[in-house]
Amino acid sequence: MEQMDIMLVDDSPEVAELTRIALETKKLSDKMTWFSDAEEAADFMFADNGYADRKDLHPRLILLDLHLPLMSGHEFLKMLKSNVATAHIPVVMFSSSDDQRDIVQSYQLGANGYLMKSADPREFIGTVADAGVYWVTRNKPVR
């Protein structure tokens, strides 16, 4: 598998497409990998010969939806942050929920940020583009 810089975990194909468009505006879309549920993402990260053994794959950012089928975003976040091989990866919760309980729990579980999904496509694209630029080109990751 090719190097990924941004992992999107979201069950909406529309969100995935808008995210791809947003990242394309900053020439980052070729480095995005989309998982439509947290179980699929968890299998990728933790299955036999998982992430720890993949020296060539180091996501610089995981955009993680909160409300997912099967496994919630919070459950996947907890898995990521409790594993030494993945704890350093920045995870930004990406949700339409502005419920303070969701926000507080996200940070308590180790989220590095919490972005609101805007219903306005232009605002949505701007938010994702800004996040992508910061985490992929400006932030210095652990390697």
N, C-alpha and C. Protein backbone atom coordinates (compact mmCIF):
# COMPACT_ATOMS: atom_id res chain seq x y z
N MET A 1 0.84 -1.19 0.00
CA MET A 1 0.00 0.00 0.00
C MET A 1 0.88 1.24 0.00
N GLU A 2 0.41 2.25 -0.68
CA GLU A 2 1.13 3.52 -0.80
C GLU A 2 1.01 4.34 0.49
N GLN A 3 2.01 5.16 0.73
CA GLN A 3 2.01 6.05 1.89
C GLN A 3 0.74 6.87 1.95
N MET A 4 0.12 6.96 3.11
CA MET A 4 -1.03 7.82 3.31
C MET A 4 -0.66 8.90 4.29
N ASP A 5 -1.16 10.08 4.07
CA ASP A 5 -0.94 11.16 5.03
C ASP A 5 -2.19 11.41 5.86
N ILE A 6 -3.35 11.21 5.25
CA ILE A 6 -4.61 11.48 5.93
C ILE A 6 -5.50 10.26 5.83
N MET A 7 -5.97 9.81 6.98
CA MET A 7 -6.94 8.72 7.03
C MET A 7 -8.27 9.33 7.44
N LEU A 8 -9.28 9.12 6.62
CA LEU A 8 -10.63 9.57 6.94
C LEU A 8 -11.45 8.35 7.32
N VAL A 9 -12.09 8.41 8.49
CA VAL A 9 -12.98 7.35 8.94
C VAL A 9 -14.35 7.98 9.10
N ASP A 10 -15.21 7.73 8.12
CA ASP A 10 -16.54 8.35 8.08
C ASP A 10 -17.45 7.48 7.22
N ASP A 11 -18.67 7.28 7.66
CA ASP A 11 -19.58 6.39 6.93
C ASP A 11 -20.31 7.06 5.77
N SER A 12 -20.08 8.32 5.54
CA SER A 12 -20.79 9.04 4.49
C SER A 12 -19.94 9.19 3.22
N PRO A 13 -20.40 8.63 2.10
CA PRO A 13 -19.68 8.84 0.84
C PRO A 13 -19.63 10.32 0.44
N GLU A 14 -20.66 11.07 0.82
CA GLU A 14 -20.69 12.51 0.51
C GLU A 14 -19.59 13.24 1.28
N VAL A 15 -19.41 12.90 2.55
CA VAL A 15 -18.34 13.50 3.35
C VAL A 15 -16.98 13.12 2.77
N ALA A 16 -16.85 11.87 2.37
CA ALA A 16 -15.58 11.42 1.78
C ALA A 16 -15.28 12.20 0.49
N GLU A 17 -16.29 12.41 -0.34
CA GLU A 17 -16.08 13.14 -1.58
C GLU A 17 -15.76 14.61 -1.32
N LEU A 18 -16.48 15.25 -0.41
CA LEU A 18 -16.18 16.64 -0.07
C LEU A 18 -14.79 16.77 0.55
N THR A 19 -14.40 15.79 1.34
CA THR A 19 -13.07 15.80 1.94
C THR A 19 -12.01 15.67 0.85
N ARG A 20 -12.24 14.78 -0.10
CA ARG A 20 -11.30 14.62 -1.21
C ARG A 20 -11.17 15.93 -2.00
N ILE A 21 -12.31 16.59 -2.26
CA ILE A 21 -12.30 17.86 -2.98
C ILE A 21 -11.52 18.91 -2.19
N ALA A 22 -11.78 18.98 -0.90
CA ALA A 22 -11.09 19.96 -0.05
C ALA A 22 -9.59 19.74 -0.08
N LEU A 23 -9.17 18.50 0.03
CA LEU A 23 -7.74 18.19 0.04
C LEU A 23 -7.13 18.39 -1.33
N GLU A 24 -7.93 18.18 -2.36
CA GLU A 24 -7.45 18.41 -3.73
C GLU A 24 -7.10 19.89 -3.95
N THR A 25 -7.85 20.79 -3.31
CA THR A 25 -7.56 22.22 -3.46
C THR A 25 -6.18 22.57 -2.91
N LYS A 26 -5.67 21.75 -2.01
CA LYS A 26 -4.34 21.96 -1.42
C LYS A 26 -3.33 20.92 -1.89
N LYS A 27 -3.71 20.18 -2.94
CA LYS A 27 -2.85 19.16 -3.53
C LYS A 27 -2.47 18.06 -2.53
N LEU A 28 -3.45 17.66 -1.71
CA LEU A 28 -3.24 16.62 -0.70
C LEU A 28 -4.12 15.40 -0.91
N SER A 29 -5.01 15.41 -1.91
CA SER A 29 -6.00 14.35 -2.04
C SER A 29 -5.40 12.99 -2.40
N ASP A 30 -4.24 12.97 -3.05
CA ASP A 30 -3.64 11.69 -3.44
C ASP A 30 -3.09 10.93 -2.24
N LYS A 31 -3.04 11.56 -1.10
CA LYS A 31 -2.51 10.93 0.11
C LYS A 31 -3.60 10.60 1.14
N MET A 32 -4.88 10.62 0.70
CA MET A 32 -5.99 10.32 1.60
C MET A 32 -6.47 8.89 1.39
N THR A 33 -6.72 8.21 2.51
CA THR A 33 -7.32 6.89 2.47
C THR A 33 -8.61 6.96 3.27
N TRP A 34 -9.69 6.45 2.69
CA TRP A 34 -11.01 6.51 3.31
C TRP A 34 -11.45 5.14 3.79
N PHE A 35 -11.90 5.10 5.03
CA PHE A 35 -12.52 3.90 5.60
C PHE A 35 -13.95 4.28 5.97
N SER A 36 -14.91 3.47 5.55
CA SER A 36 -16.32 3.81 5.77
C SER A 36 -16.84 3.40 7.14
N ASP A 37 -16.04 2.68 7.91
CA ASP A 37 -16.42 2.39 9.30
C ASP A 37 -15.17 2.15 10.13
N ALA A 38 -15.35 2.27 11.43
CA ALA A 38 -14.21 2.16 12.35
C ALA A 38 -13.68 0.74 12.44
N GLU A 39 -14.55 -0.25 12.23
CA GLU A 39 -14.07 -1.64 12.27
C GLU A 39 -13.10 -1.91 11.13
N GLU A 40 -13.40 -1.41 9.95
CA GLU A 40 -12.50 -1.56 8.80
C GLU A 40 -11.17 -0.86 9.08
N ALA A 41 -11.24 0.34 9.65
CA ALA A 41 -10.02 1.09 9.99
C ALA A 41 -9.24 0.36 11.08
N ALA A 42 -9.94 -0.19 12.07
CA ALA A 42 -9.27 -0.94 13.14
C ALA A 42 -8.59 -2.19 12.59
N ASP A 43 -9.26 -2.88 11.66
CA ASP A 43 -8.63 -4.05 11.04
C ASP A 43 -7.35 -3.65 10.33
N PHE A 44 -7.40 -2.53 9.63
CA PHE A 44 -6.20 -2.05 8.94
C PHE A 44 -5.08 -1.74 9.93
N MET A 45 -5.43 -1.09 11.03
CA MET A 45 -4.42 -0.65 11.98
C MET A 45 -3.91 -1.76 12.91
N PHE A 46 -4.79 -2.71 13.26
CA PHE A 46 -4.44 -3.64 14.34
C PHE A 46 -4.49 -5.12 13.99
N ALA A 47 -4.91 -5.48 12.78
CA ALA A 47 -4.97 -6.89 12.41
C ALA A 47 -3.56 -7.48 12.40
N ASP A 48 -3.47 -8.79 12.25
CA ASP A 48 -2.16 -9.44 12.16
C ASP A 48 -1.27 -8.66 11.20
N ASN A 49 -0.03 -8.49 11.59
CA ASN A 49 0.91 -7.67 10.81
C ASN A 49 0.35 -6.27 10.59
N GLY A 50 -0.22 -5.72 11.63
CA GLY A 50 -0.86 -4.41 11.56
C GLY A 50 0.11 -3.26 11.48
N TYR A 51 -0.36 -2.12 11.88
CA TYR A 51 0.35 -0.86 11.73
C TYR A 51 1.78 -0.91 12.24
N ALA A 52 1.99 -1.52 13.40
CA ALA A 52 3.33 -1.53 14.00
C ALA A 52 4.36 -2.15 13.08
N ASP A 53 3.93 -3.09 12.23
CA ASP A 53 4.86 -3.75 11.32
C ASP A 53 4.95 -3.07 9.96
N ARG A 54 4.18 -2.03 9.74
CA ARG A 54 4.17 -1.32 8.45
C ARG A 54 5.04 -0.07 8.57
N LYS A 55 6.30 -0.22 8.39
CA LYS A 55 7.23 0.89 8.58
C LYS A 55 7.04 2.00 7.54
N ASP A 56 6.39 1.67 6.42
CA ASP A 56 6.22 2.66 5.35
C ASP A 56 4.91 3.44 5.45
N LEU A 57 4.06 3.08 6.38
CA LEU A 57 2.77 3.76 6.49
C LEU A 57 2.69 4.52 7.81
N HIS A 58 2.61 5.82 7.71
CA HIS A 58 2.56 6.65 8.90
C HIS A 58 1.55 7.77 8.67
N PRO A 59 0.27 7.56 8.95
CA PRO A 59 -0.69 8.66 8.76
C PRO A 59 -0.27 9.86 9.59
N ARG A 60 -0.33 11.02 8.99
CA ARG A 60 -0.01 12.25 9.71
C ARG A 60 -1.24 12.82 10.37
N LEU A 61 -2.42 12.32 9.98
CA LEU A 61 -3.68 12.79 10.54
C LEU A 61 -4.76 11.75 10.32
N ILE A 62 -5.57 11.53 11.35
CA ILE A 62 -6.78 10.73 11.21
C ILE A 62 -7.95 11.65 11.50
N LEU A 63 -8.81 11.83 10.50
CA LEU A 63 -10.08 12.55 10.68
C LEU A 63 -11.12 11.50 11.00
N LEU A 64 -11.71 11.60 12.18
CA LEU A 64 -12.56 10.52 12.70
C LEU A 64 -13.95 11.01 13.04
N ASP A 65 -14.94 10.45 12.35
CA ASP A 65 -16.33 10.77 12.65
C ASP A 65 -16.69 10.19 14.01
N LEU A 66 -17.56 10.84 14.71
CA LEU A 66 -17.97 10.41 16.03
C LEU A 66 -19.03 9.31 15.97
N HIS A 67 -20.03 9.51 15.14
CA HIS A 67 -21.17 8.58 15.08
C HIS A 67 -21.03 7.66 13.88
N LEU A 68 -20.55 6.46 14.15
CA LEU A 68 -20.31 5.46 13.12
C LEU A 68 -21.08 4.19 13.44
N PRO A 69 -21.43 3.41 12.43
CA PRO A 69 -22.09 2.13 12.71
C PRO A 69 -21.10 1.14 13.30
N LEU A 70 -21.58 0.19 14.01
CA LEU A 70 -20.79 -0.91 14.58
C LEU A 70 -19.87 -0.47 15.71
N MET A 71 -18.87 0.33 15.44
CA MET A 71 -17.94 0.82 16.45
C MET A 71 -17.95 2.35 16.38
N SER A 72 -18.12 3.00 17.51
CA SER A 72 -18.18 4.47 17.51
C SER A 72 -16.79 5.07 17.32
N GLY A 73 -16.78 6.33 16.96
CA GLY A 73 -15.53 7.05 16.84
C GLY A 73 -14.77 7.08 18.16
N HIS A 74 -15.51 7.23 19.26
CA HIS A 74 -14.86 7.24 20.57
C HIS A 74 -14.20 5.90 20.87
N GLU A 75 -14.85 4.80 20.51
CA GLU A 75 -14.25 3.48 20.75
C GLU A 75 -12.96 3.32 19.94
N PHE A 76 -12.98 3.74 18.68
CA PHE A 76 -11.78 3.63 17.84
C PHE A 76 -10.68 4.57 18.35
N LEU A 77 -11.05 5.77 18.77
CA LEU A 77 -10.09 6.71 19.33
C LEU A 77 -9.41 6.10 20.56
N LYS A 78 -10.19 5.48 21.41
CA LYS A 78 -9.63 4.84 22.61
C LYS A 78 -8.64 3.74 22.23
N MET A 79 -8.97 2.95 21.20
CA MET A 79 -8.04 1.92 20.73
C MET A 79 -6.74 2.54 20.24
N LEU A 80 -6.85 3.59 19.44
CA LEU A 80 -5.66 4.23 18.88
C LEU A 80 -4.76 4.80 19.97
N LYS A 81 -5.36 5.50 20.91
CA LYS A 81 -4.56 6.20 21.92
C LYS A 81 -4.04 5.28 23.02
N SER A 82 -4.59 4.07 23.13
CA SER A 82 -4.11 3.14 24.15
C SER A 82 -3.07 2.17 23.60
N ASN A 83 -2.73 2.28 22.33
CA ASN A 83 -1.74 1.40 21.71
C ASN A 83 -0.46 2.19 21.46
N VAL A 84 0.65 1.69 21.94
CA VAL A 84 1.91 2.42 21.84
C VAL A 84 2.32 2.68 20.39
N ALA A 85 1.95 1.81 19.47
CA ALA A 85 2.33 1.98 18.07
C ALA A 85 1.53 3.08 17.36
N THR A 86 0.37 3.44 17.92
CA THR A 86 -0.49 4.42 17.24
C THR A 86 -0.83 5.63 18.09
N ALA A 87 -0.44 5.64 19.34
CA ALA A 87 -0.83 6.73 20.25
C ALA A 87 -0.35 8.10 19.79
N HIS A 88 0.75 8.15 19.06
CA HIS A 88 1.32 9.43 18.63
C HIS A 88 0.60 10.05 17.43
N ILE A 89 -0.24 9.29 16.75
CA ILE A 89 -0.89 9.80 15.53
C ILE A 89 -1.95 10.83 15.91
N PRO A 90 -1.89 12.03 15.35
CA PRO A 90 -2.92 13.02 15.64
C PRO A 90 -4.28 12.56 15.13
N VAL A 91 -5.26 12.63 16.02
CA VAL A 91 -6.64 12.27 15.66
C VAL A 91 -7.50 13.49 15.92
N VAL A 92 -8.19 13.93 14.88
CA VAL A 92 -9.11 15.05 14.99
C VAL A 92 -10.51 14.51 14.78
N MET A 93 -11.34 14.68 15.79
CA MET A 93 -12.73 14.26 15.67
C MET A 93 -13.40 15.20 14.68
N PHE A 94 -14.25 14.62 13.84
CA PHE A 94 -14.87 15.36 12.75
C PHE A 94 -16.35 15.02 12.78
N SER A 95 -17.14 15.91 13.38
CA SER A 95 -18.52 15.55 13.68
C SER A 95 -19.47 16.72 13.45
N SER A 96 -20.73 16.38 13.29
CA SER A 96 -21.77 17.41 13.23
C SER A 96 -22.33 17.69 14.62
N SER A 97 -21.89 16.93 15.62
CA SER A 97 -22.37 17.12 16.99
C SER A 97 -21.63 18.26 17.68
N ASP A 98 -22.40 19.18 18.24
CA ASP A 98 -21.78 20.23 19.06
C ASP A 98 -22.12 20.03 20.54
N ASP A 99 -22.54 18.80 20.87
CA ASP A 99 -22.85 18.44 22.25
C ASP A 99 -21.56 18.48 23.07
N GLN A 100 -21.55 19.26 24.13
CA GLN A 100 -20.35 19.41 24.96
C GLN A 100 -19.87 18.09 25.53
N ARG A 101 -20.78 17.17 25.80
CA ARG A 101 -20.37 15.85 26.32
C ARG A 101 -19.52 15.11 25.29
N ASP A 102 -19.91 15.20 24.02
CA ASP A 102 -19.13 14.56 22.96
C ASP A 102 -17.74 15.19 22.83
N ILE A 103 -17.71 16.50 22.91
CA ILE A 103 -16.44 17.23 22.79
C ILE A 103 -15.52 16.91 23.96
N VAL A 104 -16.05 16.99 25.17
CA VAL A 104 -15.26 16.70 26.38
C VAL A 104 -14.74 15.27 26.35
N GLN A 105 -15.61 14.32 26.02
CA GLN A 105 -15.18 12.92 25.99
C GLN A 105 -14.10 12.71 24.93
N SER A 106 -14.22 13.37 23.80
CA SER A 106 -13.21 13.24 22.75
C SER A 106 -11.84 13.66 23.27
N TYR A 107 -11.78 14.81 23.92
CA TYR A 107 -10.49 15.28 24.45
C TYR A 107 -10.00 14.40 25.60
N GLN A 108 -10.91 13.91 26.43
CA GLN A 108 -10.50 13.02 27.52
C GLN A 108 -9.89 11.72 26.99
N LEU A 109 -10.36 11.28 25.83
CA LEU A 109 -9.84 10.05 25.24
C LEU A 109 -8.57 10.28 24.41
N GLY A 110 -8.15 11.54 24.29
CA GLY A 110 -6.89 11.83 23.63
C GLY A 110 -6.98 12.48 22.26
N ALA A 111 -8.16 12.94 21.86
CA ALA A 111 -8.26 13.62 20.57
C ALA A 111 -7.37 14.85 20.56
N ASN A 112 -6.80 15.14 19.41
CA ASN A 112 -5.93 16.31 19.26
C ASN A 112 -6.71 17.53 18.79
N GLY A 113 -7.96 17.34 18.42
CA GLY A 113 -8.80 18.44 17.97
C GLY A 113 -10.21 17.95 17.75
N TYR A 114 -11.11 18.89 17.58
CA TYR A 114 -12.52 18.57 17.34
C TYR A 114 -13.04 19.60 16.34
N LEU A 115 -13.35 19.14 15.13
CA LEU A 115 -13.86 20.02 14.09
C LEU A 115 -15.33 19.73 13.83
N MET A 116 -16.06 20.79 13.60
CA MET A 116 -17.48 20.66 13.27
C MET A 116 -17.64 20.52 11.77
N LYS A 117 -18.49 19.58 11.36
CA LYS A 117 -18.85 19.45 9.95
C LYS A 117 -19.91 20.50 9.65
N SER A 118 -19.63 21.35 8.74
CA SER A 118 -20.59 22.37 8.35
C SER A 118 -21.55 21.80 7.31
N ALA A 119 -22.79 22.25 7.36
CA ALA A 119 -23.77 21.86 6.34
C ALA A 119 -23.52 22.63 5.04
N ASP A 120 -22.81 23.75 5.14
CA ASP A 120 -22.48 24.55 3.97
C ASP A 120 -21.23 23.94 3.31
N PRO A 121 -21.34 23.48 2.05
CA PRO A 121 -20.21 22.83 1.40
C PRO A 121 -18.95 23.69 1.33
N ARG A 122 -19.07 24.98 1.10
CA ARG A 122 -17.88 25.84 1.04
C ARG A 122 -17.17 25.91 2.38
N GLU A 123 -17.95 26.07 3.44
CA GLU A 123 -17.35 26.11 4.78
C GLU A 123 -16.73 24.76 5.13
N PHE A 124 -17.42 23.68 4.79
CA PHE A 124 -16.91 22.33 5.01
C PHE A 124 -15.55 22.17 4.33
N ILE A 125 -15.49 22.51 3.05
CA ILE A 125 -14.27 22.38 2.27
C ILE A 125 -13.15 23.23 2.86
N GLY A 126 -13.46 24.45 3.28
CA GLY A 126 -12.46 25.32 3.90
C GLY A 126 -11.91 24.74 5.19
N THR A 127 -12.78 24.20 6.02
CA THR A 127 -12.36 23.61 7.30
C THR A 127 -11.42 22.42 7.07
N VAL A 128 -11.81 21.54 6.15
CA VAL A 128 -10.99 20.35 5.88
C VAL A 128 -9.66 20.76 5.24
N ALA A 129 -9.71 21.69 4.30
CA ALA A 129 -8.48 22.13 3.65
C ALA A 129 -7.51 22.73 4.66
N ASP A 130 -8.00 23.57 5.55
CA ASP A 130 -7.15 24.18 6.58
C ASP A 130 -6.54 23.11 7.50
N ALA A 131 -7.38 22.15 7.92
CA ALA A 131 -6.88 21.09 8.80
C ALA A 131 -5.83 20.26 8.08
N GLY A 132 -6.08 19.91 6.83
CA GLY A 132 -5.12 19.12 6.07
C GLY A 132 -3.79 19.81 5.93
N VAL A 133 -3.82 21.08 5.59
CA VAL A 133 -2.57 21.84 5.43
C VAL A 133 -1.80 21.87 6.75
N TYR A 134 -2.49 22.17 7.84
CA TYR A 134 -1.79 22.24 9.12
C TYR A 134 -1.16 20.90 9.48
N TRP A 135 -1.95 19.84 9.51
CA TRP A 135 -1.45 18.56 10.02
C TRP A 135 -0.47 17.88 9.07
N VAL A 136 -0.60 18.11 7.77
CA VAL A 136 0.27 17.42 6.82
C VAL A 136 1.53 18.22 6.47
N THR A 137 1.41 19.54 6.40
CA THR A 137 2.57 20.32 5.97
C THR A 137 3.25 21.13 7.07
N ARG A 138 2.55 21.43 8.13
CA ARG A 138 3.15 22.29 9.17
C ARG A 138 3.48 21.56 10.47
N ASN A 139 2.66 20.62 10.85
CA ASN A 139 2.89 19.88 12.08
C ASN A 139 4.06 18.91 11.90
N LYS A 140 4.87 18.77 12.91
CA LYS A 140 6.01 17.84 12.87
C LYS A 140 5.61 16.54 13.58
N PRO A 141 5.47 15.46 12.81
CA PRO A 141 5.01 14.20 13.40
C PRO A 141 6.14 13.43 14.07
N VAL A 142 5.75 12.51 14.91
CA VAL A 142 6.68 11.54 15.50
C VAL A 142 6.92 10.46 14.46
N ARG A 143 8.13 10.10 14.24
CA ARG A 143 8.46 9.03 13.28
C ARG A 143 9.23 7.94 13.98
